[in-house]
Amino acid sequence: MHQLAFAWLVTGIFGVSLGYFLFAYLVTFGVADPGGARGVWRPALINFSLFAVFALHHSLFARTRFKRVVTALLPPALERALYSLIASVLFLFVCAVWQPVPGVLYAVSGPWRWAGYAAQAAGILLTVVSSRALDVLDLSGVRQVLTSRSAINPQQHPLETGGVYGLVRHPLYFGWALFVFGAPDMTLTRFTFAAISTVYLAIAIPFEERSLVGAFGGDYEAYRRRVRWRMLPGLY
């Protein structure tokens, strides 16, 4: 029972971290900072370092050797929940202490402004649709605890190749790019977050796909040949 309560607590923290990100990006990061004598590079480098810590956690926890260390110290069913807890707390921290970067890259009006809002709405919709192929309880660690308490062997999720997955292989990341870059008022605070986070996702895809090939074998290889674009149609 304690393990399940912990996993559900992590699920709540995961939701809070996503909600706080939306507030920070849509409200806090949209306030243009006058800057003064601080300049652009110092806060930008601080922000890069903040996100690098978040990315380092993902890299370490993805390693089999590190997972073995965790499962040697904790019940194996809690490994995913611990990963999600640390990731959520780090994401909250990154958003909370993200440094204002002075300046505005662009601010559009009229039809272009509505086009930006439409791109952000499309990004959210794409995220919701593509997330339906994922098990949120599996991501947060609840499913692993429930499985460990039953005699049922865990089932691998089937490979999703239809719908939005026929457009790009990682539609969740495409939705992210649409949302963060669709902002019609692109302050440099927003831009640094959008650029750093999207580049991180682009770099992470080849490593993620190695795991997918290991899990699905030839089926994923065939899917990769059929759907050319990884994240951005026509670009990447």
Protein backbone atom coordinates (compact mmCIF):
# COMPACT_ATOMS: atom_id res chain seq x y z
CA MET A 1 0.00 0.00 0.00
CA HIS A 2 2.85 2.38 0.83
CA GLN A 3 4.42 1.77 -2.58
CA LEU A 4 1.14 2.49 -4.36
CA ALA A 5 0.57 5.66 -2.32
CA PHE A 6 4.06 6.84 -3.22
CA ALA A 7 3.46 6.16 -6.91
CA TRP A 8 0.16 8.09 -6.86
CA LEU A 9 1.90 10.96 -5.04
CA VAL A 10 4.49 11.03 -7.82
CA THR A 11 1.67 11.12 -10.39
CA GLY A 12 0.27 14.21 -8.66
CA ILE A 13 3.66 15.92 -8.59
CA PHE A 14 4.10 15.09 -12.28
CA GLY A 15 0.81 16.83 -13.04
CA VAL A 16 1.76 19.84 -10.94
CA SER A 17 5.07 20.18 -12.78
CA LEU A 18 3.27 20.25 -16.15
CA GLY A 19 0.75 22.79 -14.86
CA TYR A 20 3.49 25.02 -13.50
CA PHE A 21 5.35 24.85 -16.80
CA LEU A 22 2.24 26.06 -18.65
CA PHE A 23 1.86 28.95 -16.22
CA ALA A 24 5.54 29.88 -16.41
CA TYR A 25 5.75 29.73 -20.20
CA LEU A 26 2.46 31.46 -20.94
CA VAL A 27 2.70 34.12 -18.21
CA THR A 28 6.08 34.55 -16.51
CA PHE A 29 8.34 33.95 -19.50
CA GLY A 30 6.20 36.28 -21.61
CA VAL A 31 7.15 39.36 -19.60
CA ALA A 32 9.88 41.25 -21.45
CA ASP A 33 12.86 41.90 -19.18
CA PRO A 34 14.60 45.30 -19.56
CA GLY A 35 17.91 43.72 -18.62
CA GLY A 36 20.01 46.71 -17.79
CA ALA A 37 23.63 45.85 -17.15
CA ARG A 38 23.08 42.08 -16.88
CA GLY A 39 23.28 41.48 -20.60
CA VAL A 40 22.03 38.44 -22.49
CA TRP A 41 24.76 35.84 -22.26
CA ARG A 42 24.98 35.45 -18.48
CA PRO A 43 21.31 34.50 -17.90
CA ALA A 44 21.29 32.45 -21.10
CA LEU A 45 24.27 30.40 -19.91
CA ILE A 46 22.67 29.94 -16.49
CA ASN A 47 19.51 28.67 -18.19
CA PHE A 48 21.52 26.30 -20.35
CA SER A 49 23.19 24.91 -17.22
CA LEU A 50 19.83 24.46 -15.50
CA PHE A 51 18.43 22.46 -18.38
CA ALA A 52 21.67 20.46 -18.65
CA VAL A 53 21.11 19.20 -15.09
CA PHE A 54 17.60 18.12 -16.04
CA ALA A 55 18.93 16.37 -19.17
CA LEU A 56 21.75 14.70 -17.21
CA HIS A 57 19.21 13.04 -14.95
CA HIS A 58 17.42 11.57 -17.96
CA SER A 59 20.71 10.30 -19.38
CA LEU A 60 21.83 8.67 -16.13
CA PHE A 61 18.54 6.98 -15.33
CA ALA A 62 18.32 5.56 -18.84
CA ARG A 63 21.50 3.56 -18.30
CA THR A 64 21.00 -0.09 -17.38
CA ARG A 65 23.88 -0.01 -14.90
CA PHE A 66 22.31 2.91 -13.01
CA LYS A 67 18.90 1.17 -12.98
CA ARG A 68 20.56 -1.85 -11.39
CA VAL A 69 21.95 0.33 -8.62
CA VAL A 70 18.50 1.82 -7.97
CA THR A 71 16.74 -1.55 -7.92
CA ALA A 72 19.41 -2.89 -5.55
CA LEU A 73 18.50 -0.16 -3.06
CA LEU A 74 14.74 0.04 -3.64
CA PRO A 75 12.00 -2.39 -4.64
CA PRO A 76 12.16 -2.78 -8.44
CA ALA A 77 8.53 -1.67 -8.74
CA LEU A 78 9.50 1.80 -7.49
CA GLU A 79 12.29 2.42 -10.02
CA ARG A 80 10.02 4.21 -12.51
CA ALA A 81 8.26 6.20 -9.80
CA LEU A 82 11.59 7.43 -8.45
CA TYR A 83 12.65 8.43 -11.95
CA SER A 84 9.40 10.37 -12.47
CA LEU A 85 9.67 12.03 -9.07
CA ILE A 86 13.18 13.33 -9.67
CA ALA A 87 12.32 14.41 -13.23
CA SER A 88 9.20 16.28 -12.08
CA VAL A 89 10.99 18.05 -9.22
CA LEU A 90 13.87 19.03 -11.51
CA PHE A 91 11.42 20.32 -14.14
CA LEU A 92 9.63 22.39 -11.49
CA PHE A 93 12.98 23.75 -10.34
CA VAL A 94 14.09 24.63 -13.88
CA CYS A 95 10.86 26.52 -14.60
CA ALA A 96 10.87 28.27 -11.22
CA VAL A 97 14.44 29.61 -11.39
CA TRP A 98 14.66 30.16 -15.16
CA GLN A 99 16.52 33.44 -15.56
CA PRO A 100 14.89 36.36 -17.42
CA VAL A 101 16.83 37.10 -20.59
CA PRO A 102 16.49 40.76 -21.62
CA GLY A 103 15.00 41.57 -24.98
CA VAL A 104 12.24 40.54 -27.38
CA LEU A 105 13.03 38.49 -30.47
CA TYR A 106 9.73 39.36 -32.15
CA ALA A 107 6.13 40.31 -31.43
CA VAL A 108 3.58 39.80 -34.18
CA SER A 109 0.10 41.26 -34.53
CA GLY A 110 -2.98 40.86 -36.69
CA PRO A 111 -3.39 37.58 -38.59
CA TRP A 112 0.11 36.42 -37.67
CA ARG A 113 -0.74 36.69 -34.00
CA TRP A 114 -3.75 34.42 -34.46
CA ALA A 115 -1.59 32.06 -36.50
CA GLY A 116 0.75 31.81 -33.52
CA TYR A 117 -2.11 31.02 -31.16
CA ALA A 118 -3.37 28.43 -33.68
CA ALA A 119 0.07 26.80 -33.76
CA GLN A 120 0.12 26.60 -29.96
CA ALA A 121 -3.39 25.13 -29.90
CA ALA A 122 -2.36 22.60 -32.54
CA GLY A 123 0.66 21.71 -30.42
CA ILE A 124 -1.52 21.03 -27.38
CA LEU A 125 -3.99 19.01 -29.46
CA LEU A 126 -1.18 16.99 -31.05
CA THR A 127 0.26 16.32 -27.60
CA VAL A 128 -3.08 15.08 -26.29
CA VAL A 129 -3.74 12.87 -29.34
CA SER A 130 -0.25 11.36 -29.41
CA SER A 131 -0.30 10.81 -25.63
CA ARG A 132 -3.29 8.50 -26.02
CA ALA A 133 -0.86 5.87 -27.27
CA LEU A 134 1.07 6.17 -24.01
CA ASP A 135 0.08 4.91 -20.58
CA VAL A 136 0.33 7.87 -18.19
CA LEU A 137 0.22 5.55 -15.19
CA ASP A 138 3.14 3.64 -16.69
CA LEU A 139 5.10 6.87 -17.12
CA SER A 140 4.52 7.91 -13.51
CA GLY A 141 5.25 4.47 -12.03
CA VAL A 142 1.76 3.50 -10.83
CA ARG A 143 1.39 0.71 -13.38
CA GLN A 144 4.63 -0.94 -12.28
CA VAL A 145 3.47 -1.06 -8.66
CA LEU A 146 0.06 -2.45 -9.63
CA THR A 147 1.70 -5.10 -11.79
CA SER A 148 4.07 -6.14 -9.01
CA ARG A 149 1.09 -6.70 -6.70
CA SER A 150 -0.62 -9.07 -9.13
CA ALA A 151 0.27 -12.33 -10.82
CA ILE A 152 -0.11 -10.78 -14.27
CA ASN A 153 3.05 -10.44 -16.31
CA PRO A 154 3.64 -6.88 -17.56
CA GLN A 155 2.62 -6.41 -21.20
CA GLN A 156 4.66 -4.40 -23.66
CA HIS A 157 2.73 -1.56 -25.27
CA PRO A 158 2.09 -2.21 -28.96
CA LEU A 159 3.99 -0.15 -31.49
CA GLU A 160 1.84 2.79 -32.59
CA THR A 161 2.25 3.62 -36.27
CA GLY A 162 -1.09 5.08 -37.38
CA GLY A 163 -2.75 8.46 -37.04
CA VAL A 164 -0.37 11.24 -36.05
CA TYR A 165 2.40 8.65 -35.82
CA GLY A 166 2.16 8.36 -39.59
CA LEU A 167 3.18 12.02 -39.88
CA VAL A 168 6.31 11.97 -37.72
CA ARG A 169 7.79 9.24 -35.55
CA HIS A 170 7.69 11.44 -32.44
CA PRO A 171 4.50 13.55 -32.66
CA LEU A 172 4.71 14.40 -28.95
CA TYR A 173 7.94 16.29 -29.64
CA PHE A 174 6.43 17.93 -32.72
CA GLY A 175 3.57 19.15 -30.54
CA TRP A 176 6.11 20.55 -28.06
CA ALA A 177 7.91 22.48 -30.81
CA LEU A 178 4.62 23.93 -32.10
CA PHE A 179 3.63 25.06 -28.64
CA VAL A 180 6.88 26.66 -27.52
CA PHE A 181 7.71 28.33 -30.84
CA GLY A 182 4.14 29.35 -31.63
CA ALA A 183 4.09 32.11 -29.01
CA PRO A 184 3.27 35.37 -30.87
CA ASP A 185 5.27 37.39 -28.30
CA MET A 186 8.67 35.75 -28.32
CA THR A 187 10.69 37.25 -25.51
CA LEU A 188 14.27 36.08 -25.27
CA THR A 189 13.32 34.39 -21.98
CA ARG A 190 10.83 32.28 -23.91
CA PHE A 191 13.14 31.77 -26.85
CA THR A 192 16.01 30.39 -24.77
CA PHE A 193 13.64 27.89 -23.15
CA ALA A 194 12.09 26.93 -26.50
CA ALA A 195 15.44 26.57 -28.26
CA ILE A 196 17.29 24.68 -25.50
CA SER A 197 14.44 22.26 -24.78
CA THR A 198 13.71 21.53 -28.46
CA VAL A 199 17.39 20.95 -29.30
CA TYR A 200 17.57 18.57 -26.33
CA LEU A 201 14.61 16.58 -27.67
CA ALA A 202 16.14 16.45 -31.15
CA ILE A 203 19.43 15.14 -29.75
CA ALA A 204 17.65 12.59 -27.55
CA ILE A 205 15.65 11.01 -30.39
CA PRO A 206 18.45 8.79 -31.86
CA PHE A 207 19.18 7.38 -28.39
CA GLU A 208 15.47 6.80 -27.74
CA GLU A 209 15.08 5.04 -31.06
CA ARG A 210 17.89 2.64 -30.21
CA SER A 211 15.76 1.45 -27.30
CA LEU A 212 12.71 1.21 -29.56
CA VAL A 213 14.62 -0.93 -32.05
CA GLY A 214 15.67 -3.15 -29.17
CA ALA A 215 12.06 -3.46 -28.02
CA PHE A 216 10.29 -3.87 -31.37
CA GLY A 217 13.07 -5.08 -33.66
CA GLY A 218 12.24 -5.26 -37.35
CA ASP A 219 8.79 -3.74 -36.85
CA TYR A 220 10.32 -0.46 -35.76
CA GLU A 221 12.92 -0.58 -38.51
CA ALA A 222 10.12 -0.95 -41.07
CA TYR A 223 8.20 1.89 -39.44
CA ARG A 224 11.29 4.08 -39.53
CA ARG A 225 11.70 3.44 -43.24
CA ARG A 226 8.04 4.21 -43.92
CA VAL A 227 7.84 7.41 -41.82
CA ARG A 228 10.87 9.44 -42.78
CA TRP A 229 10.62 12.43 -40.45
CA ARG A 230 11.55 12.06 -36.80
CA MET A 231 10.13 15.24 -35.29
CA LEU A 232 9.57 18.09 -37.74
CA PRO A 233 7.93 17.32 -41.10
CA GLY A 234 10.21 18.31 -43.96
CA LEU A 235 13.08 19.25 -41.66
CA TYR A 236 14.10 16.52 -39.22
